[in-house]
PDB file of N, CA and C in Angstrom:
ATOM      1  N   MET A   1       5.188 -84.477-197.129  1.00  0.00           N
ATOM      2  CA  MET A   1       6.107 -83.774-196.246  1.00  0.00           C
ATOM      3  C   MET A   1       7.086 -84.794-195.654  1.00  0.00           C
ATOM      4  N   SER A   2       8.365 -84.545-195.765  1.00  0.00           N
ATOM      5  CA  SER A   2       9.352 -85.477-195.223  1.00  0.00           C
ATOM      6  C   SER A   2       9.445 -85.343-193.712  1.00  0.00           C
ATOM      7  N   HIS A   3       9.957 -86.390-193.074  1.00  0.00           N
ATOM      8  CA  HIS A   3      10.051 -86.358-191.614  1.00  0.00           C
ATOM      9  C   HIS A   3      11.043 -85.313-191.130  1.00  0.00           C
ATOM     10  N   GLU A   4      12.011 -84.930-191.965  1.00  0.00           N
ATOM     11  CA  GLU A   4      12.978 -83.907-191.550  1.00  0.00           C
ATOM     12  C   GLU A   4      12.337 -82.532-191.408  1.00  0.00           C
ATOM     13  N   SER A   5      11.242 -82.304-192.120  1.00  0.00           N
ATOM     14  CA  SER A   5      10.613 -80.983-192.069  1.00  0.00           C
ATOM     15  C   SER A   5       9.594 -80.858-190.945  1.00  0.00           C
ATOM     16  N   LEU A   6       9.317 -81.946-190.239  1.00  0.00           N
ATOM     17  CA  LEU A   6       8.374 -81.889-189.126  1.00  0.00           C
ATOM     18  C   LEU A   6       9.067 -81.358-187.877  1.00  0.00           C
ATOM     19  N   PRO A   7       8.409 -80.525-187.101  1.00  0.00           N
ATOM     20  CA  PRO A   7       9.016 -80.035-185.862  1.00  0.00           C
ATOM     21  C   PRO A   7       9.232 -81.179-184.881  1.00  0.00           C
ATOM     22  N   GLN A   8      10.279 -81.071-184.108  1.00  0.00           N
ATOM     23  CA  GLN A   8      10.597 -82.104-183.130  1.00  0.00           C
ATOM     24  C   GLN A   8      10.538 -81.517-181.733  1.00  0.00           C
ATOM     25  N   LEU A   9      10.141 -82.355-180.795  1.00  0.00           N
ATOM     26  CA  LEU A   9      10.013 -81.919-179.407  1.00  0.00           C
ATOM     27  C   LEU A   9      11.336 -81.407-178.859  1.00  0.00           C
ATOM     28  N   GLY A  10      12.417 -82.035-179.241  1.00  0.00           N
ATOM     29  CA  GLY A  10      13.730 -81.638-178.738  1.00  0.00           C
ATOM     30  C   GLY A  10      14.092 -80.201-179.058  1.00  0.00           C
ATOM     31  N   LYS A  11      13.513 -79.657-180.116  1.00  0.00           N
ATOM     32  CA  LYS A  11      13.781 -78.266-180.485  1.00  0.00           C
ATOM     33  C   LYS A  11      12.806 -77.303-179.819  1.00  0.00           C
ATOM     34  N   SER A  12      11.640 -77.809-179.468  1.00  0.00           N
ATOM     35  CA  SER A  12      10.631 -76.921-178.890  1.00  0.00           C
ATOM     36  C   SER A  12      10.818 -76.708-177.393  1.00  0.00           C
ATOM     37  N   VAL A  13      11.382 -77.693-176.697  1.00  0.00           N
ATOM     38  CA  VAL A  13      11.550 -77.566-175.248  1.00  0.00           C
ATOM     39  C   VAL A  13      12.485 -76.413-174.882  1.00  0.00           C
ATOM     40  N   PRO A  14      13.674 -76.300-175.495  1.00  0.00           N
ATOM     41  CA  PRO A  14      14.520 -75.145-175.170  1.00  0.00           C
ATOM     42  C   PRO A  14      13.843 -73.808-175.484  1.00  0.00           C
ATOM     43  N   THR A  15      13.047 -73.780-176.536  1.00  0.00           N
ATOM     44  CA  THR A  15      12.315 -72.559-176.881  1.00  0.00           C
ATOM     45  C   THR A  15      11.294 -72.219-175.808  1.00  0.00           C
ATOM     46  N   PHE A  16      10.591 -73.231-175.321  1.00  0.00           N
ATOM     47  CA  PHE A  16       9.604 -73.033-174.259  1.00  0.00           C
ATOM     48  C   PHE A  16      10.288 -72.534-172.984  1.00  0.00           C
ATOM     49  N   GLU A  17      11.450 -73.123-172.644  1.00  0.00           N
ATOM     50  CA  GLU A  17      12.199 -72.687-171.463  1.00  0.00           C
ATOM     51  C   GLU A  17      12.680 -71.248-171.625  1.00  0.00           C
ATOM     52  N   PHE A  18      13.116 -70.893-172.828  1.00  0.00           N
ATOM     53  CA  PHE A  18      13.564 -69.530-173.108  1.00  0.00           C
ATOM     54  C   PHE A  18      12.429 -68.537-172.905  1.00  0.00           C
ATOM     55  N   PHE A  19      11.252 -68.884-173.419  1.00  0.00           N
ATOM     56  CA  PHE A  19      10.084 -68.004-173.270  1.00  0.00           C
ATOM     57  C   PHE A  19       9.726 -67.811-171.797  1.00  0.00           C
ATOM     58  N   MET A  20       9.768 -68.886-170.996  1.00  0.00           N
ATOM     59  CA  MET A  20       9.437 -68.749-169.567  1.00  0.00           C
ATOM     60  C   MET A  20      10.467 -67.876-168.855  1.00  0.00           C
ATOM     61  N   LYS A  21      11.746 -68.056-169.177  1.00  0.00           N
ATOM     62  CA  LYS A  21      12.799 -67.248-168.558  1.00  0.00           C
ATOM     63  C   LYS A  21      12.644 -65.776-168.957  1.00  0.00           C
ATOM     64  N   ALA A  22      12.316 -65.527-170.211  1.00  0.00           N
ATOM     65  CA  ALA A  22      12.121 -64.146-170.676  1.00  0.00           C
ATOM     66  C   ALA A  22      10.971 -63.482-169.932  1.00  0.00           C
ATOM     67  N   TRP A  23       9.888 -64.211-169.705  1.00  0.00           N
ATOM     68  CA  TRP A  23       8.755 -63.664-168.952  1.00  0.00           C
ATOM     69  C   TRP A  23       9.133 -63.387-167.504  1.00  0.00           C
ATOM     70  N   GLU A  24       9.945 -64.277-166.905  1.00  0.00           N
ATOM     71  CA  GLU A  24      10.387 -64.048-165.521  1.00  0.00           C
ATOM     72  C   GLU A  24      11.202 -62.763-165.432  1.00  0.00           C
ATOM     73  N   ILE A  25      12.086 -62.560-166.380  1.00  0.00           N
ATOM     74  CA  ILE A  25      12.914 -61.347-166.400  1.00  0.00           C
ATOM     75  C   ILE A  25      12.044 -60.111-166.625  1.00  0.00           C
ATOM     76  N   LEU A  26      11.123 -60.192-167.577  1.00  0.00           N
ATOM     77  CA  LEU A  26      10.226 -59.066-167.857  1.00  0.00           C
ATOM     78  C   LEU A  26       9.376 -58.721-166.634  1.00  0.00           C
ATOM     79  N   GLN A  27       8.924 -59.736-165.936  1.00  0.00           N
ATOM     80  CA  GLN A  27       8.113 -59.528-164.729  1.00  0.00           C
ATOM     81  C   GLN A  27       8.917 -58.808-163.647  1.00  0.00           C
ATOM     82  N   THR A  28      10.199 -59.152-163.525  1.00  0.00           N
ATOM     83  CA  THR A  28      11.069 -58.521-162.528  1.00  0.00           C
ATOM     84  C   THR A  28      11.396 -57.076-162.915  1.00  0.00           C
ATOM     85  N   LYS A  29      11.695 -56.863-164.194  1.00  0.00           N
ATOM     86  CA  LYS A  29      12.084 -55.529-164.654  1.00  0.00           C
ATOM     87  C   LYS A  29      10.901 -54.570-164.783  1.00  0.00           C
ATOM     88  N   THR A  30       9.696 -55.109-164.973  1.00  0.00           N
ATOM     89  CA  THR A  30       8.508 -54.279-165.176  1.00  0.00           C
ATOM     90  C   THR A  30       7.401 -54.750-164.240  1.00  0.00           C
ATOM     91  N   PRO A  31       7.473 -54.369-162.958  1.00  0.00           N
ATOM     92  CA  PRO A  31       6.506 -54.861-161.971  1.00  0.00           C
ATOM     93  C   PRO A  31       5.041 -54.576-162.319  1.00  0.00           C
ATOM     94  N   ARG A  32       4.781 -53.510-163.062  1.00  0.00           N
ATOM     95  CA  ARG A  32       3.382 -53.197-163.382  1.00  0.00           C
ATOM     96  C   ARG A  32       2.755 -54.243-164.314  1.00  0.00           C
ATOM     97  N   LEU A  33       3.597 -55.053-164.966  1.00  0.00           N
ATOM     98  CA  LEU A  33       3.088 -56.116-165.834  1.00  0.00           C
ATOM     99  C   LEU A  33       2.850 -57.426-165.084  1.00  0.00           C
ATOM    100  N   GLN A  34       3.259 -57.476-163.828  1.00  0.00           N
ATOM    101  CA  GLN A  34       3.135 -58.709-163.048  1.00  0.00           C
ATOM    102  C   GLN A  34       1.714 -59.269-163.019  1.00  0.00           C
ATOM    103  N   PRO A  35       0.670 -58.445-162.883  1.00  0.00           N
ATOM    104  CA  PRO A  35      -0.687 -59.007-162.874  1.00  0.00           C
ATOM    105  C   PRO A  35      -1.055 -59.741-164.166  1.00  0.00           C
ATOM    106  N   PHE A  36      -0.370 -59.425-165.242  1.00  0.00           N
ATOM    107  CA  PHE A  36      -0.643 -60.077-166.524  1.00  0.00           C
ATOM    108  C   PHE A  36       0.304 -61.254-166.767  1.00  0.00           C
ATOM    109  N   ILE A  37       1.572 -61.053-166.437  1.00  0.00           N
ATOM    110  CA  ILE A  37       2.576 -62.085-166.676  1.00  0.00           C
ATOM    111  C   ILE A  37       2.459 -63.217-165.659  1.00  0.00           C
ATOM    112  N   GLY A  38       2.209 -62.882-164.405  1.00  0.00           N
ATOM    113  CA  GLY A  38       2.156 -63.887-163.340  1.00  0.00           C
ATOM    114  C   GLY A  38       1.230 -65.056-163.632  1.00  0.00           C
ATOM    115  N   PRO A  39      -0.043 -64.806-163.934  1.00  0.00           N
ATOM    116  CA  PRO A  39      -0.953 -65.927-164.223  1.00  0.00           C
ATOM    117  C   PRO A  39      -0.544 -66.735-165.464  1.00  0.00           C
ATOM    118  N   GLY A  40      -0.061 -66.046-166.485  1.00  0.00           N
ATOM    119  CA  GLY A  40       0.380 -66.749-167.694  1.00  0.00           C
ATOM    120  C   GLY A  40       1.592 -67.613-167.430  1.00  0.00           C
ATOM    121  N   LEU A  41       2.515 -67.092-166.640  1.00  0.00           N
ATOM    122  CA  LEU A  41       3.713 -67.842-166.290  1.00  0.00           C
ATOM    123  C   LEU A  41       3.368 -69.044-165.418  1.00  0.00           C
ATOM    124  N   ALA A  42       2.433 -68.877-164.503  1.00  0.00           N
ATOM    125  CA  ALA A  42       1.995 -69.998-163.660  1.00  0.00           C
ATOM    126  C   ALA A  42       1.394 -71.107-164.522  1.00  0.00           C
ATOM    127  N   LYS A  43       0.590 -70.739-165.505  1.00  0.00           N
ATOM    128  CA  LYS A  43      -0.018 -71.717-166.417  1.00  0.00           C
ATOM    129  C   LYS A  43       1.058 -72.411-167.252  1.00  0.00           C
ATOM    130  N   ALA A  44       2.033 -71.638-167.727  1.00  0.00           N
ATOM    131  CA  ALA A  44       3.117 -72.206-168.532  1.00  0.00           C
ATOM    132  C   ALA A  44       3.943 -73.197-167.715  1.00  0.00           C
ATOM    133  N   LYS A  45       4.229 -72.854-166.455  1.00  0.00           N
ATOM    134  CA  LYS A  45       5.001 -73.760-165.595  1.00  0.00           C
ATOM    135  C   LYS A  45       4.222 -75.035-165.303  1.00  0.00           C
ATOM    136  N   LYS A  46       2.914 -74.909-165.116  1.00  0.00           N
ATOM    137  CA  LYS A  46       2.068 -76.082-164.872  1.00  0.00           C
ATOM    138  C   LYS A  46       2.109 -77.009-166.093  1.00  0.00           C
ATOM    139  N   TYR A  47       1.978 -76.433-167.274  1.00  0.00           N
ATOM    140  CA  TYR A  47       2.034 -77.209-168.510  1.00  0.00           C
ATOM    141  C   TYR A  47       3.410 -77.851-168.668  1.00  0.00           C
ATOM    142  N   TYR A  48       4.467 -77.094-168.403  1.00  0.00           N
ATOM    143  CA  TYR A  48       5.834 -77.598-168.539  1.00  0.00           C
ATOM    144  C   TYR A  48       6.060 -78.787-167.611  1.00  0.00           C
ATOM    145  N   ASN A  49       5.580 -78.696-166.367  1.00  0.00           N
ATOM    146  CA  ASN A  49       5.737 -79.807-165.424  1.00  0.00           C
ATOM    147  C   ASN A  49       4.980 -81.044-165.890  1.00  0.00           C
ATOM    148  N   LYS A  50       3.785 -80.863-166.426  1.00  0.00           N
ATOM    149  CA  LYS A  50       3.027 -82.006-166.956  1.00  0.00           C
ATOM    150  C   LYS A  50       3.760 -82.629-168.139  1.00  0.00           C
ATOM    151  N   MET A  51       4.291 -81.780-168.989  1.00  0.00           N
ATOM    152  CA  MET A  51       5.014 -82.257-170.160  1.00  0.00           C
ATOM    153  C   MET A  51       6.255 -83.044-169.738  1.00  0.00           C
ATOM    154  N   GLU A  52       6.986 -82.514-168.777  1.00  0.00           N
ATOM    155  CA  GLU A  52       8.226 -83.131-168.327  1.00  0.00           C
ATOM    156  C   GLU A  52       7.986 -84.482-167.659  1.00  0.00           C
ATOM    157  N   ASN A  53       6.844 -84.651-166.998  1.00  0.00           N
ATOM    158  CA  ASN A  53       6.538 -85.889-166.288  1.00  0.00           C
ATOM    159  C   ASN A  53       5.797 -86.909-167.153  1.00  0.00           C
ATOM    160  N   SER A  54       5.632 -86.621-168.414  1.00  0.00           N
ATOM    161  CA  SER A  54       4.908 -87.510-169.326  1.00  0.00           C
ATOM    162  C   SER A  54       5.850 -88.553-169.926  1.00  0.00           C
ATOM    163  N   PRO A  55       5.425 -89.832-169.960  1.00  0.00           N
ATOM    164  CA  PRO A  55       6.252 -90.854-170.613  1.00  0.00           C
ATOM    165  C   PRO A  55       6.496 -90.538-172.098  1.00  0.00           C
ATOM    166  N   MET A  56       5.519 -89.934-172.755  1.00  0.00           N
ATOM    167  CA  MET A  56       5.689 -89.588-174.169  1.00  0.00           C
ATOM    168  C   MET A  56       6.769 -88.529-174.361  1.00  0.00           C
ATOM    169  N   TYR A  57       6.947 -87.669-173.382  1.00  0.00           N
ATOM    170  CA  TYR A  57       8.008 -86.662-173.433  1.00  0.00           C
ATOM    171  C   TYR A  57       9.362 -87.355-173.505  1.00  0.00           C
ATOM    172  N   VAL A  58       9.557 -88.351-172.632  1.00  0.00           N
ATOM    173  CA  VAL A  58      10.823 -89.089-172.591  1.00  0.00           C
ATOM    174  C   VAL A  58      11.051 -89.805-173.922  1.00  0.00           C
ATOM    175  N   ILE A  59      10.019 -90.462-174.433  1.00  0.00           N
ATOM    176  CA  ILE A  59      10.139 -91.175-175.712  1.00  0.00           C
ATOM    177  C   ILE A  59      10.479 -90.201-176.839  1.00  0.00           C
ATOM    178  N   ALA A  60       9.789 -89.083-176.884  1.00  0.00           N
ATOM    179  CA  ALA A  60      10.032 -88.099-177.940  1.00  0.00           C
ATOM    180  C   ALA A  60      11.435 -87.520-177.848  1.00  0.00           C
ATOM    181  N   MET A  61      11.917 -87.264-176.635  1.00  0.00           N
ATOM    182  CA  MET A  61      13.267 -86.727-176.470  1.00  0.00           C
ATOM    183  C   MET A  61      14.307 -87.745-176.928  1.00  0.00           C
ATOM    184  N   CYS A  62      14.097 -89.024-176.600  1.00  0.00           N
ATOM    185  CA  CYS A  62      15.027 -90.073-177.038  1.00  0.00           C
ATOM    186  C   CYS A  62      14.995 -90.202-178.553  1.00  0.00           C
ATOM    187  N   LYS A  63      13.814 -90.148-179.131  1.00  0.00           N
ATOM    188  CA  LYS A  63      13.674 -90.226-180.586  1.00  0.00           C
ATOM    189  C   LYS A  63      14.366 -89.040-181.245  1.00  0.00           C
ATOM    190  N   SER A  64      14.233 -87.869-180.646  1.00  0.00           N
ATOM    191  CA  SER A  64      14.876 -86.674-181.175  1.00  0.00           C
ATOM    192  C   SER A  64      16.397 -86.824-181.129  1.00  0.00           C
ATOM    193  N   ALA A  65      16.916 -87.343-180.021  1.00  0.00           N
ATOM    194  CA  ALA A  65      18.360 -87.549-179.880  1.00  0.00           C
ATOM    195  C   ALA A  65      18.844 -88.581-180.896  1.00  0.00           C
ATOM    196  N   GLN A  66      18.068 -89.650-181.074  1.00  0.00           N
ATOM    197  CA  GLN A  66      18.424 -90.681-182.048  1.00  0.00           C
ATOM    198  C   GLN A  66      18.477 -90.094-183.454  1.00  0.00           C
ATOM    199  N   SER A  67      17.521 -89.265-183.786  1.00  0.00           N
ATOM    200  CA  SER A  67      17.478 -88.628-185.100  1.00  0.00           C
ATOM    201  C   SER A  67      18.702 -87.738-185.313  1.00  0.00           C
ATOM    202  N   MET A  68      19.064 -86.976-184.295  1.00  0.00           N
ATOM    203  CA  MET A  68      20.216 -86.085-184.400  1.00  0.00           C
ATOM    204  C   MET A  68      21.510 -86.881-184.566  1.00  0.00           C
ATOM    205  N   LEU A  69      21.671 -87.955-183.784  1.00  0.00           N
ATOM    206  CA  LEU A  69      22.868 -88.788-183.900  1.00  0.00           C
ATOM    207  C   LEU A  69      22.945 -89.438-185.281  1.00  0.00           C
ATOM    208  N   SER A  70      21.797 -89.816-185.808  1.00  0.00           N
ATOM    209  CA  SER A  70      21.749 -90.412-187.142  1.00  0.00           C
ATOM    210  C   SER A  70      22.189 -89.395-188.201  1.00  0.00           C
ATOM    211  N   LYS A  71      21.706 -88.167-188.088  1.00  0.00           N
ATOM    212  CA  LYS A  71      22.079 -87.127-189.052  1.00  0.00           C
ATOM    213  C   LYS A  71      23.573 -86.824-188.999  1.00  0.00           C
ATOM    214  N   LEU A  72      24.157 -86.954-187.807  1.00  0.00           N
ATOM    215  CA  LEU A  72      25.585 -86.684-187.643  1.00  0.00           C
ATOM    216  C   LEU A  72      26.450 -87.879-188.025  1.00  0.00           C
ATOM    217  N   GLY A  73      25.801 -89.011-188.332  1.00  0.00           N
ATOM    218  CA  GLY A  73      26.537 -90.191-188.777  1.00  0.00           C
ATOM    219  C   GLY A  73      27.015 -91.108-187.672  1.00  0.00           C
ATOM    220  N   TYR A  74      26.518 -90.937-186.450  1.00  0.00           N
ATOM    221  CA  TYR A  74      26.931 -91.787-185.338  1.00  0.00           C
ATOM    222  C   TYR A  74      26.116 -93.071-185.251  1.00  0.00           C
ATOM    223  N   ILE A  75      24.961 -93.114-185.916  1.00  0.00           N
ATOM    224  CA  ILE A  75      24.112 -94.312-185.876  1.00  0.00           C
ATOM    225  C   ILE A  75      23.955 -94.830-187.289  1.00  0.00           C
TER     226      ILE A  75
END
């Protein structure tokens, strides 16, 4: 498997943020789902904060940016 076909953190973070925002909107629009969405969203935010404060997160994001710049011919 080539390195280009492996998922990169830089692509997964926006997806994770999108999913959390979608749940927040769903929770607001459908209050009866709050007992189910609320705990899941709290867990997701806890995980997101841990991920964001991790040194490996920073390294992976920089590596992802470097890879993208390389593909575009800037490096």
